[in-house]
Structures are given as C-alpha cells and as structure tokens.
Amino acid sequence: LSVTEIKDVGLELLFAGHETTASATVTIILQLTKNKDVVSKFMEELK
C-alpha cells in the first residue's frame, strides 16, 4: 500500500476497531446488570 492508502486504512481501523466495540461493551454491561443469572453462570465457568 502507498503511504496515503496506509493512512486511510489506519483511520478506518480506528473507526471499525473502537466505536463499534465500545457500543457492544455498553450492551454487555447493561445485559449483565439486568441478568444476574448470567453473571453467576459465567462465574461458574471462570471457577
């Protein structure tokens, strides 16, 4: 890739790589808060 292309792909990586995952982390924290049974079940797996 040319430097210009690498810059574009770099910007796109930032776009695709953080805003979407931030959105999903909010969903995760809300769903874990509403579903205590899911948290308990996951703790079992961790153990």
All heavy atoms as atom14 arrays in JSON, in Angstrom:
{
  "sequence": "LSVTEIKDVGLELLFAGHETTASATVTIILQLTKNKDVVSKFMEELK",
  "atom14_mask": [
    [1, 1, 1, 1, 1, 1, 1, 1, 0, 0, 0, 0, 0, 0],
    [1, 1, 1, 1, 1, 1, 0, 0, 0, 0, 0, 0, 0, 0],
    [1, 1, 1, 1, 1, 1, 1, 0, 0, 0, 0, 0, 0, 0],
    [1, 1, 1, 1, 1, 1, 1, 0, 0, 0, 0, 0, 0, 0],
    [1, 1, 1, 1, 1, 1, 1, 1, 1, 0, 0, 0, 0, 0],
    [1, 1, 1, 1, 1, 1, 1, 1, 0, 0, 0, 0, 0, 0],
    [1, 1, 1, 1, 1, 1, 1, 1, 1, 0, 0, 0, 0, 0],
    [1, 1, 1, 1, 1, 1, 1, 1, 0, 0, 0, 0, 0, 0],
    [1, 1, 1, 1, 1, 1, 1, 0, 0, 0, 0, 0, 0, 0],
    [1, 1, 1, 1, 0, 0, 0, 0, 0, 0, 0, 0, 0, 0],
    [1, 1, 1, 1, 1, 1, 1, 1, 0, 0, 0, 0, 0, 0],
    [1, 1, 1, 1, 1, 1, 1, 1, 1, 0, 0, 0, 0, 0],
    [1, 1, 1, 1, 1, 1, 1, 1, 0, 0, 0, 0, 0, 0],
    [1, 1, 1, 1, 1, 1, 1, 1, 0, 0, 0, 0, 0, 0],
    [1, 1, 1, 1, 1, 1, 1, 1, 1, 1, 1, 0, 0, 0],
    [1, 1, 1, 1, 1, 0, 0, 0, 0, 0, 0, 0, 0, 0],
    [1, 1, 1, 1, 0, 0, 0, 0, 0, 0, 0, 0, 0, 0],
    [1, 1, 1, 1, 1, 1, 1, 1, 1, 1, 0, 0, 0, 0],
    [1, 1, 1, 1, 1, 1, 1, 1, 1, 0, 0, 0, 0, 0],
    [1, 1, 1, 1, 1, 1, 1, 0, 0, 0, 0, 0, 0, 0],
    [1, 1, 1, 1, 1, 1, 1, 0, 0, 0, 0, 0, 0, 0],
    [1, 1, 1, 1, 1, 0, 0, 0, 0, 0, 0, 0, 0, 0],
    [1, 1, 1, 1, 1, 1, 0, 0, 0, 0, 0, 0, 0, 0],
    [1, 1, 1, 1, 1, 0, 0, 0, 0, 0, 0, 0, 0, 0],
    [1, 1, 1, 1, 1, 1, 1, 0, 0, 0, 0, 0, 0, 0],
    [1, 1, 1, 1, 1, 1, 1, 0, 0, 0, 0, 0, 0, 0],
    [1, 1, 1, 1, 1, 1, 1, 0, 0, 0, 0, 0, 0, 0],
    [1, 1, 1, 1, 1, 1, 1, 1, 0, 0, 0, 0, 0, 0],
    [1, 1, 1, 1, 1, 1, 1, 1, 0, 0, 0, 0, 0, 0],
    [1, 1, 1, 1, 1, 1, 1, 1, 0, 0, 0, 0, 0, 0],
    [1, 1, 1, 1, 1, 1, 1, 1, 1, 0, 0, 0, 0, 0],
    [1, 1, 1, 1, 1, 1, 1, 1, 0, 0, 0, 0, 0, 0],
    [1, 1, 1, 1, 1, 1, 1, 0, 0, 0, 0, 0, 0, 0],
    [1, 1, 1, 1, 1, 1, 1, 1, 1, 0, 0, 0, 0, 0],
    [1, 1, 1, 1, 1, 1, 1, 1, 0, 0, 0, 0, 0, 0],
    [1, 1, 1, 1, 1, 1, 1, 1, 1, 0, 0, 0, 0, 0],
    [1, 1, 1, 1, 1, 1, 1, 1, 0, 0, 0, 0, 0, 0],
    [1, 1, 1, 1, 1, 1, 1, 0, 0, 0, 0, 0, 0, 0],
    [1, 1, 1, 1, 1, 1, 1, 0, 0, 0, 0, 0, 0, 0],
    [1, 1, 1, 1, 1, 1, 0, 0, 0, 0, 0, 0, 0, 0],
    [1, 1, 1, 1, 1, 1, 1, 1, 1, 0, 0, 0, 0, 0],
    [1, 1, 1, 1, 1, 1, 1, 1, 1, 1, 1, 0, 0, 0],
    [1, 1, 1, 1, 1, 1, 1, 1, 0, 0, 0, 0, 0, 0],
    [1, 1, 1, 1, 1, 1, 1, 1, 1, 0, 0, 0, 0, 0],
    [1, 1, 1, 1, 1, 1, 1, 1, 1, 0, 0, 0, 0, 0],
    [1, 1, 1, 1, 1, 1, 1, 1, 0, 0, 0, 0, 0, 0],
    [1, 1, 1, 1, 1, 1, 1, 1, 1, 0, 0, 0, 0, 0]
  ],
  "atom14_positions": [
    [[0.84, -1.2, 0.0], [0.0, 0.0, 0.0], [0.88, 1.25, 0.0], [1.96, 1.26, 0.59], [-0.89, 0.02, 1.25], [-1.81, -1.18, 1.48], [-2.55, -1.0, 2.82], [-2.83, -1.34, 0.37], [0.0, 0.0, 0.0], [0.0, 0.0, 0.0], [0.0, 0.0, 0.0], [0.0, 0.0, 0.0], [0.0, 0.0, 0.0], [0.0, 0.0, 0.0]],
    [[0.39, 2.31, -0.64], [1.11, 3.59, -0.59], [0.88, 4.21, 0.8], [-0.03, 3.79, 1.52], [0.56, 4.54, -1.65], [-0.76, 4.93, -1.27], [0.0, 0.0, 0.0], [0.0, 0.0, 0.0], [0.0, 0.0, 0.0], [0.0, 0.0, 0.0], [0.0, 0.0, 0.0], [0.0, 0.0, 0.0], [0.0, 0.0, 0.0], [0.0, 0.0, 0.0]],
    [[1.68, 5.22, 1.15], [1.53, 5.87, 2.46], [0.12, 6.45, 2.61], [-0.52, 6.33, 3.65], [2.6, 6.97, 2.67], [2.32, 7.77, 3.93], [3.98, 6.33, 2.78], [0.0, 0.0, 0.0], [0.0, 0.0, 0.0], [0.0, 0.0, 0.0], [0.0, 0.0, 0.0], [0.0, 0.0, 0.0], [0.0, 0.0, 0.0], [0.0, 0.0, 0.0]],
    [[-0.39, 7.06, 1.52], [-1.75, 7.63, 1.56], [-2.77, 6.54, 1.87], [-3.68, 6.72, 2.68], [-2.09, 8.29, 0.21], [-1.02, 9.14, -0.14], [-3.37, 9.09, 0.29], [0.0, 0.0, 0.0], [0.0, 0.0, 0.0], [0.0, 0.0, 0.0], [0.0, 0.0, 0.0], [0.0, 0.0, 0.0], [0.0, 0.0, 0.0], [0.0, 0.0, 0.0]],
    [[-2.61, 5.39, 1.22], [-3.54, 4.27, 1.44], [-3.41, 3.74, 2.86], [-4.42, 3.46, 3.52], [-3.27, 3.14, 0.46], [-3.71, 3.43, -0.96], [-3.3, 2.32, -1.92], [-2.15, 1.84, -1.85], [-4.13, 1.94, -2.74], [0.0, 0.0, 0.0], [0.0, 0.0, 0.0], [0.0, 0.0, 0.0], [0.0, 0.0, 0.0], [0.0, 0.0, 0.0]],
    [[-2.18, 3.64, 3.34], [-1.97, 3.14, 4.71], [-2.64, 4.08, 5.72], [-3.27, 3.65, 6.68], [-0.47, 2.97, 5.04], [0.12, 1.81, 4.22], [-0.26, 2.68, 6.53], [1.62, 1.64, 4.36], [0.0, 0.0, 0.0], [0.0, 0.0, 0.0], [0.0, 0.0, 0.0], [0.0, 0.0, 0.0], [0.0, 0.0, 0.0], [0.0, 0.0, 0.0]],
    [[-2.55, 5.39, 5.46], [-3.2, 6.36, 6.35], [-4.72, 6.16, 6.35], [-5.36, 6.15, 7.4], [-2.84, 7.8, 5.95], [-1.48, 8.21, 6.5], [-0.8, 9.35, 5.78], [-1.45, 10.69, 5.89], [-0.55, 11.76, 5.36], [0.0, 0.0, 0.0], [0.0, 0.0, 0.0], [0.0, 0.0, 0.0], [0.0, 0.0, 0.0], [0.0, 0.0, 0.0]],
    [[-5.29, 5.97, 5.16], [-6.73, 5.72, 5.06], [-7.14, 4.44, 5.79], [-8.12, 4.41, 6.52], [-7.16, 5.61, 3.58], [-7.44, 6.98, 2.97], [-7.37, 7.98, 3.7], [-7.73, 7.04, 1.76], [0.0, 0.0, 0.0], [0.0, 0.0, 0.0], [0.0, 0.0, 0.0], [0.0, 0.0, 0.0], [0.0, 0.0, 0.0], [0.0, 0.0, 0.0]],
    [[-6.36, 3.38, 5.56], [-6.69, 2.1, 6.22], [-6.5, 2.25, 7.73], [-7.3, 1.73, 8.52], [-5.84, 0.93, 5.65], [-6.09, -0.35, 6.45], [-6.18, 0.68, 4.18], [0.0, 0.0, 0.0], [0.0, 0.0, 0.0], [0.0, 0.0, 0.0], [0.0, 0.0, 0.0], [0.0, 0.0, 0.0], [0.0, 0.0, 0.0], [0.0, 0.0, 0.0]],
    [[-5.49, 3.0, 8.15], [-5.27, 3.24, 9.58], [-6.45, 3.95, 10.22], [-6.92, 3.59, 11.31], [0.0, 0.0, 0.0], [0.0, 0.0, 0.0], [0.0, 0.0, 0.0], [0.0, 0.0, 0.0], [0.0, 0.0, 0.0], [0.0, 0.0, 0.0], [0.0, 0.0, 0.0], [0.0, 0.0, 0.0], [0.0, 0.0, 0.0], [0.0, 0.0, 0.0]],
    [[-6.98, 4.96, 9.51], [-8.14, 5.7, 10.02], [-9.36, 4.78, 10.09], [-10.12, 4.79, 11.06], [-8.43, 6.89, 9.1], [-9.57, 7.81, 9.48], [-9.38, 8.36, 10.9], [-9.7, 8.98, 8.51], [0.0, 0.0, 0.0], [0.0, 0.0, 0.0], [0.0, 0.0, 0.0], [0.0, 0.0, 0.0], [0.0, 0.0, 0.0], [0.0, 0.0, 0.0]],
    [[-9.5, 3.94, 9.07], [-10.63, 3.02, 9.05], [-10.52, 1.98, 10.18], [-11.51, 1.59, 10.79], [-10.69, 2.31, 7.7], [-11.92, 1.45, 7.55], [-12.0, 0.83, 6.17], [-10.96, 0.61, 5.53], [-13.12, 0.55, 5.74], [0.0, 0.0, 0.0], [0.0, 0.0, 0.0], [0.0, 0.0, 0.0], [0.0, 0.0, 0.0], [0.0, 0.0, 0.0]],
    [[-9.27, 1.56, 10.46], [-9.06, 0.62, 11.57], [-9.53, 1.24, 12.88], [-10.16, 0.58, 13.71], [-7.58, 0.26, 11.7], [-7.03, -0.79, 10.74], [-5.52, -0.9, 10.89], [-7.67, -2.15, 10.97], [0.0, 0.0, 0.0], [0.0, 0.0, 0.0], [0.0, 0.0, 0.0], [0.0, 0.0, 0.0], [0.0, 0.0, 0.0], [0.0, 0.0, 0.0]],
    [[-9.21, 2.52, 13.07], [-9.65, 3.22, 14.29], [-11.17, 3.28, 14.34], [-11.78, 3.06, 15.39], [-9.11, 4.65, 14.31], [-7.79, 4.91, 14.99], [-7.57, 6.4, 15.1], [-7.71, 4.29, 16.38], [0.0, 0.0, 0.0], [0.0, 0.0, 0.0], [0.0, 0.0, 0.0], [0.0, 0.0, 0.0], [0.0, 0.0, 0.0], [0.0, 0.0, 0.0]],
    [[-11.78, 3.59, 13.2], [-13.25, 3.69, 13.12], [-13.88, 2.33, 13.43], [-14.73, 2.2, 14.3], [-13.64, 4.16, 11.72], [-15.06, 3.83, 11.32], [-16.13, 4.31, 12.06], [-15.33, 3.04, 10.21], [-17.45, 4.02, 11.7], [-16.63, 2.74, 9.85], [-17.69, 3.22, 10.59], [0.0, 0.0, 0.0], [0.0, 0.0, 0.0], [0.0, 0.0, 0.0]],
    [[-13.41, 1.3, 12.73], [-14.04, -0.02, 12.88], [-13.63, -0.66, 14.19], [-14.35, -1.49, 14.73], [-13.64, -0.9, 11.7], [0.0, 0.0, 0.0], [0.0, 0.0, 0.0], [0.0, 0.0, 0.0], [0.0, 0.0, 0.0], [0.0, 0.0, 0.0], [0.0, 0.0, 0.0], [0.0, 0.0, 0.0], [0.0, 0.0, 0.0], [0.0, 0.0, 0.0]],
    [[-12.46, -0.28, 14.7], [-11.9, -1.01, 15.84], [-12.26, -0.47, 17.2], [-11.93, -1.07, 18.21], [0.0, 0.0, 0.0], [0.0, 0.0, 0.0], [0.0, 0.0, 0.0], [0.0, 0.0, 0.0], [0.0, 0.0, 0.0], [0.0, 0.0, 0.0], [0.0, 0.0, 0.0], [0.0, 0.0, 0.0], [0.0, 0.0, 0.0], [0.0, 0.0, 0.0]],
    [[-12.91, 0.7, 17.3], [-13.2, 1.13, 18.67], [-14.64, 1.55, 18.92], [-15.21, 1.22, 19.93], [-12.21, 2.21, 19.12], [-12.74, 3.59, 19.07], [-12.7, 4.35, 17.94], [-13.34, 4.36, 20.01], [-13.25, 5.52, 18.19], [-13.65, 5.55, 19.43], [0.0, 0.0, 0.0], [0.0, 0.0, 0.0], [0.0, 0.0, 0.0], [0.0, 0.0, 0.0]],
    [[-15.25, 2.28, 17.98], [-16.59, 2.79, 18.25], [-17.59, 1.63, 18.33], [-18.47, 1.61, 19.17], [-16.98, 3.78, 17.14], [-18.28, 4.49, 17.38], [-18.22, 5.57, 18.46], [-17.12, 5.99, 18.84], [-19.29, 6.0, 18.91], [0.0, 0.0, 0.0], [0.0, 0.0, 0.0], [0.0, 0.0, 0.0], [0.0, 0.0, 0.0], [0.0, 0.0, 0.0]],
    [[-17.42, 0.65, 17.44], [-18.33, -0.5, 17.43], [-18.16, -1.36, 18.68], [-19.14, -1.77, 19.29], [-18.07, -1.37, 16.19], [-16.67, -1.64, 16.14], [-18.48, -0.66, 14.92], [0.0, 0.0, 0.0], [0.0, 0.0, 0.0], [0.0, 0.0, 0.0], [0.0, 0.0, 0.0], [0.0, 0.0, 0.0], [0.0, 0.0, 0.0], [0.0, 0.0, 0.0]],
    [[-16.89, -1.58, 19.08], [-16.67, -2.39, 20.3], [-17.13, -1.64, 21.54], [-17.66, -2.25, 22.47], [-15.18, -2.8, 20.45], [-14.36, -1.72, 20.0], [-14.85, -4.03, 19.66], [0.0, 0.0, 0.0], [0.0, 0.0, 0.0], [0.0, 0.0, 0.0], [0.0, 0.0, 0.0], [0.0, 0.0, 0.0], [0.0, 0.0, 0.0], [0.0, 0.0, 0.0]],
    [[-16.99, -0.31, 21.54], [-17.48, 0.48, 22.69], [-19.0, 0.3, 22.81], [-19.54, 0.16, 23.91], [-17.13, 1.94, 22.54], [0.0, 0.0, 0.0], [0.0, 0.0, 0.0], [0.0, 0.0, 0.0], [0.0, 0.0, 0.0], [0.0, 0.0, 0.0], [0.0, 0.0, 0.0], [0.0, 0.0, 0.0], [0.0, 0.0, 0.0], [0.0, 0.0, 0.0]],
    [[-19.69, 0.32, 21.68], [-21.13, 0.12, 21.67], [-21.48, -1.25, 22.27], [-22.38, -1.37, 23.12], [-21.66, 0.22, 20.23], [-23.01, -0.14, 20.17], [0.0, 0.0, 0.0], [0.0, 0.0, 0.0], [0.0, 0.0, 0.0], [0.0, 0.0, 0.0], [0.0, 0.0, 0.0], [0.0, 0.0, 0.0], [0.0, 0.0, 0.0], [0.0, 0.0, 0.0]],
    [[-20.73, -2.27, 21.87], [-21.01, -3.62, 22.39], [-20.69, -3.74, 23.88], [-21.38, -4.46, 24.61], [-20.22, -4.65, 21.59], [0.0, 0.0, 0.0], [0.0, 0.0, 0.0], [0.0, 0.0, 0.0], [0.0, 0.0, 0.0], [0.0, 0.0, 0.0], [0.0, 0.0, 0.0], [0.0, 0.0, 0.0], [0.0, 0.0, 0.0], [0.0, 0.0, 0.0]],
    [[-19.67, -3.02, 24.38], [-19.37, -3.1, 25.82], [-20.52, -2.5, 26.63], [-20.84, -2.99, 27.72], [-18.05, -2.38, 26.19], [-18.1, -1.04, 25.7], [-16.83, -3.1, 25.68], [0.0, 0.0, 0.0], [0.0, 0.0, 0.0], [0.0, 0.0, 0.0], [0.0, 0.0, 0.0], [0.0, 0.0, 0.0], [0.0, 0.0, 0.0], [0.0, 0.0, 0.0]],
    [[-21.16, -1.44, 26.1], [-22.31, -0.86, 26.8], [-23.45, -1.89, 26.86], [-24.09, -2.08, 27.9], [-22.79, 0.45, 26.11], [-24.12, 0.9, 26.69], [-21.75, 1.55, 26.29], [0.0, 0.0, 0.0], [0.0, 0.0, 0.0], [0.0, 0.0, 0.0], [0.0, 0.0, 0.0], [0.0, 0.0, 0.0], [0.0, 0.0, 0.0], [0.0, 0.0, 0.0]],
    [[-23.69, -2.57, 25.74], [-24.73, -3.62, 25.72], [-24.41, -4.69, 26.76], [-25.28, -5.13, 27.51], [-24.82, -4.27, 24.32], [-25.06, -3.25, 23.36], [-25.93, -5.3, 24.26], [0.0, 0.0, 0.0], [0.0, 0.0, 0.0], [0.0, 0.0, 0.0], [0.0, 0.0, 0.0], [0.0, 0.0, 0.0], [0.0, 0.0, 0.0], [0.0, 0.0, 0.0]],
    [[-23.15, -5.11, 26.81], [-22.75, -6.18, 27.74], [-23.01, -5.75, 29.18], [-23.62, -6.48, 29.96], [-21.26, -6.56, 27.52], [-21.12, -7.32, 26.2], [-20.73, -7.42, 28.68], [-19.68, -7.53, 25.73], [0.0, 0.0, 0.0], [0.0, 0.0, 0.0], [0.0, 0.0, 0.0], [0.0, 0.0, 0.0], [0.0, 0.0, 0.0], [0.0, 0.0, 0.0]],
    [[-22.58, -4.52, 29.54], [-22.74, -4.12, 30.95], [-24.23, -4.0, 31.3], [-24.66, -4.39, 32.38], [-21.96, -2.81, 31.27], [-21.76, -2.67, 32.8], [-22.65, -1.55, 30.79], [-20.49, -3.2, 33.31], [0.0, 0.0, 0.0], [0.0, 0.0, 0.0], [0.0, 0.0, 0.0], [0.0, 0.0, 0.0], [0.0, 0.0, 0.0], [0.0, 0.0, 0.0]],
    [[-25.04, -3.49, 30.37], [-26.48, -3.37, 30.64], [-27.12, -4.74, 30.79], [-27.91, -4.98, 31.71], [-27.17, -2.61, 29.5], [-27.07, -1.09, 29.54], [-27.59, -0.47, 28.26], [-27.83, -0.51, 30.75], [0.0, 0.0, 0.0], [0.0, 0.0, 0.0], [0.0, 0.0, 0.0], [0.0, 0.0, 0.0], [0.0, 0.0, 0.0], [0.0, 0.0, 0.0]],
    [[-26.77, -5.67, 29.89], [-27.39, -7.0, 29.95], [-26.92, -7.79, 31.18], [-27.71, -8.52, 31.78], [-27.12, -7.78, 28.65], [-27.79, -7.19, 27.42], [-29.32, -7.17, 27.52], [-29.94, -7.78, 28.39], [-29.95, -6.41, 26.63], [0.0, 0.0, 0.0], [0.0, 0.0, 0.0], [0.0, 0.0, 0.0], [0.0, 0.0, 0.0], [0.0, 0.0, 0.0]],
    [[-25.67, -7.62, 31.58], [-25.19, -8.31, 32.79], [-25.89, -7.74, 34.02], [-26.18, -8.45, 34.98], [-23.68, -8.16, 32.94], [-22.78, -8.88, 31.92], [-21.31, -8.58, 32.21], [-23.02, -10.38, 31.9], [0.0, 0.0, 0.0], [0.0, 0.0, 0.0], [0.0, 0.0, 0.0], [0.0, 0.0, 0.0], [0.0, 0.0, 0.0], [0.0, 0.0, 0.0]],
    [[-26.18, -6.42, 33.99], [-26.86, -5.79, 35.13], [-28.29, -6.3, 35.24], [-28.8, -6.52, 36.34], [-26.86, -4.24, 34.96], [-25.54, -3.83, 34.62], [-27.28, -3.55, 36.23], [0.0, 0.0, 0.0], [0.0, 0.0, 0.0], [0.0, 0.0, 0.0], [0.0, 0.0, 0.0], [0.0, 0.0, 0.0], [0.0, 0.0, 0.0], [0.0, 0.0, 0.0]],
    [[-28.93, -6.49, 34.1], [-30.33, -6.95, 34.11], [-30.45, -8.45, 34.34], [-31.49, -8.94, 34.74], [-30.99, -6.63, 32.76], [-31.18, -5.16, 32.49], [-31.77, -4.99, 31.08], [-31.72, -3.55, 30.65], [-32.21, -3.34, 29.28], [0.0, 0.0, 0.0], [0.0, 0.0, 0.0], [0.0, 0.0, 0.0], [0.0, 0.0, 0.0], [0.0, 0.0, 0.0]],
    [[-29.4, -9.21, 34.04], [-29.48, -10.67, 34.09], [-28.43, -11.25, 35.05], [-27.39, -11.75, 34.63], [-29.28, -11.26, 32.68], [-30.34, -10.8, 31.71], [-31.44, -11.33, 31.68], [-30.03, -9.78, 30.93], [0.0, 0.0, 0.0], [0.0, 0.0, 0.0], [0.0, 0.0, 0.0], [0.0, 0.0, 0.0], [0.0, 0.0, 0.0], [0.0, 0.0, 0.0]],
    [[-28.75, -11.17, 36.33], [-27.8, -11.63, 37.36], [-27.46, -13.12, 37.2], [-26.35, -13.55, 37.51], [-28.39, -11.4, 38.77], [-28.61, -9.93, 39.1], [-27.3, -9.21, 39.42], [-27.5, -7.76, 39.77], [-27.06, -6.82, 38.74], [0.0, 0.0, 0.0], [0.0, 0.0, 0.0], [0.0, 0.0, 0.0], [0.0, 0.0, 0.0], [0.0, 0.0, 0.0]],
    [[-28.42, -13.89, 36.69], [-28.18, -15.32, 36.5], [-27.05, -15.57, 35.49], [-26.28, -16.52, 35.61], [-29.46, -16.02, 36.01], [-30.03, -15.35, 34.77], [-30.04, -14.09, 34.72], [-30.47, -16.05, 33.84], [0.0, 0.0, 0.0], [0.0, 0.0, 0.0], [0.0, 0.0, 0.0], [0.0, 0.0, 0.0], [0.0, 0.0, 0.0], [0.0, 0.0, 0.0]],
    [[-26.92, -14.66, 34.51], [-25.86, -14.8, 33.51], [-24.51, -14.58, 34.18], [-23.55, -15.32, 33.93], [-26.07, -13.79, 32.34], [-24.88, -13.78, 31.39], [-27.35, -14.13, 31.58], [0.0, 0.0, 0.0], [0.0, 0.0, 0.0], [0.0, 0.0, 0.0], [0.0, 0.0, 0.0], [0.0, 0.0, 0.0], [0.0, 0.0, 0.0], [0.0, 0.0, 0.0]],
    [[-24.45, -13.59, 35.08], [-23.2, -13.31, 35.81], [-22.8, -14.54, 36.64], [-21.65, -14.98, 36.62], [-23.34, -12.06, 36.7], [-22.07, -11.81, 37.5], [-23.68, -10.84, 35.85], [0.0, 0.0, 0.0], [0.0, 0.0, 0.0], [0.0, 0.0, 0.0], [0.0, 0.0, 0.0], [0.0, 0.0, 0.0], [0.0, 0.0, 0.0], [0.0, 0.0, 0.0]],
    [[-23.78, -15.12, 37.37], [-23.48, -16.3, 38.21], [-22.98, -17.45, 37.36], [-22.02, -18.15, 37.72], [-24.73, -16.79, 38.96], [-25.38, -15.69, 39.54], [0.0, 0.0, 0.0], [0.0, 0.0, 0.0], [0.0, 0.0, 0.0], [0.0, 0.0, 0.0], [0.0, 0.0, 0.0], [0.0, 0.0, 0.0], [0.0, 0.0, 0.0], [0.0, 0.0, 0.0]],
    [[-23.62, -17.66, 36.23], [-23.24, -18.78, 35.37], [-21.84, -18.57, 34.8], [-21.04, -19.51, 34.7], [-24.27, -18.92, 34.24], [-24.21, -20.26, 33.59], [-25.43, -20.59, 32.77], [-25.15, -21.88, 32.04], [-26.23, -22.31, 31.19], [0.0, 0.0, 0.0], [0.0, 0.0, 0.0], [0.0, 0.0, 0.0], [0.0, 0.0, 0.0], [0.0, 0.0, 0.0]],
    [[-21.52, -17.34, 34.48], [-20.19, -17.06, 33.96], [-19.13, -17.21, 35.06], [-18.04, -17.71, 34.81], [-20.14, -15.65, 33.32], [-18.76, -15.29, 32.83], [-18.0, -16.21, 32.1], [-18.21, -14.06, 33.08], [-16.72, -15.89, 31.65], [-16.94, -13.73, 32.65], [-16.19, -14.65, 31.93], [0.0, 0.0, 0.0], [0.0, 0.0, 0.0], [0.0, 0.0, 0.0]],
    [[-19.48, -16.83, 36.3], [-18.54, -17.02, 37.42], [-18.21, -18.51, 37.58], [-17.07, -18.87, 37.86], [-19.14, -16.46, 38.73], [-18.85, -15.0, 38.99], [-17.13, -14.45, 38.77], [-16.36, -14.89, 40.32], [0.0, 0.0, 0.0], [0.0, 0.0, 0.0], [0.0, 0.0, 0.0], [0.0, 0.0, 0.0], [0.0, 0.0, 0.0], [0.0, 0.0, 0.0]],
    [[-19.24, -19.36, 37.39], [-19.0, -20.81, 37.47], [-17.97, -21.23, 36.42], [-17.07, -22.02, 36.69], [-20.31, -21.59, 37.22], [-21.33, -21.49, 38.35], [-20.73, -21.84, 39.72], [-20.13, -22.93, 39.83], [-20.85, -21.03, 40.66], [0.0, 0.0, 0.0], [0.0, 0.0, 0.0], [0.0, 0.0, 0.0], [0.0, 0.0, 0.0], [0.0, 0.0, 0.0]],
    [[-18.14, -20.71, 35.21], [-17.18, -21.06, 34.15], [-15.77, -20.59, 34.52], [-14.79, -21.31, 34.36], [-17.6, -20.47, 32.79], [-16.64, -20.84, 31.68], [-17.12, -20.46, 30.29], [-17.22, -19.25, 29.99], [-17.4, -21.36, 29.49], [0.0, 0.0, 0.0], [0.0, 0.0, 0.0], [0.0, 0.0, 0.0], [0.0, 0.0, 0.0], [0.0, 0.0, 0.0]],
    [[-15.68, -19.35, 35.06], [-14.38, -18.82, 35.47], [-13.73, -19.73, 36.52], [-12.55, -20.03, 36.46], [-14.53, -17.41, 36.02], [-14.69, -16.28, 35.0], [-15.07, -14.98, 35.7], [-13.42, -16.07, 34.2], [0.0, 0.0, 0.0], [0.0, 0.0, 0.0], [0.0, 0.0, 0.0], [0.0, 0.0, 0.0], [0.0, 0.0, 0.0], [0.0, 0.0, 0.0]],
    [[-14.58, -20.19, 37.48], [-14.04, -21.09, 38.53], [-13.52, -22.37, 37.92], [-12.45, -22.88, 38.29], [-15.13, -21.39, 39.57], [-15.32, -20.26, 40.56], [-16.41, -20.56, 41.59], [-16.69, -19.32, 42.42], [-18.1, -19.18, 42.78], [0.0, 0.0, 0.0], [0.0, 0.0, 0.0], [0.0, 0.0, 0.0], [0.0, 0.0, 0.0], [0.0, 0.0, 0.0]]
  ]
}
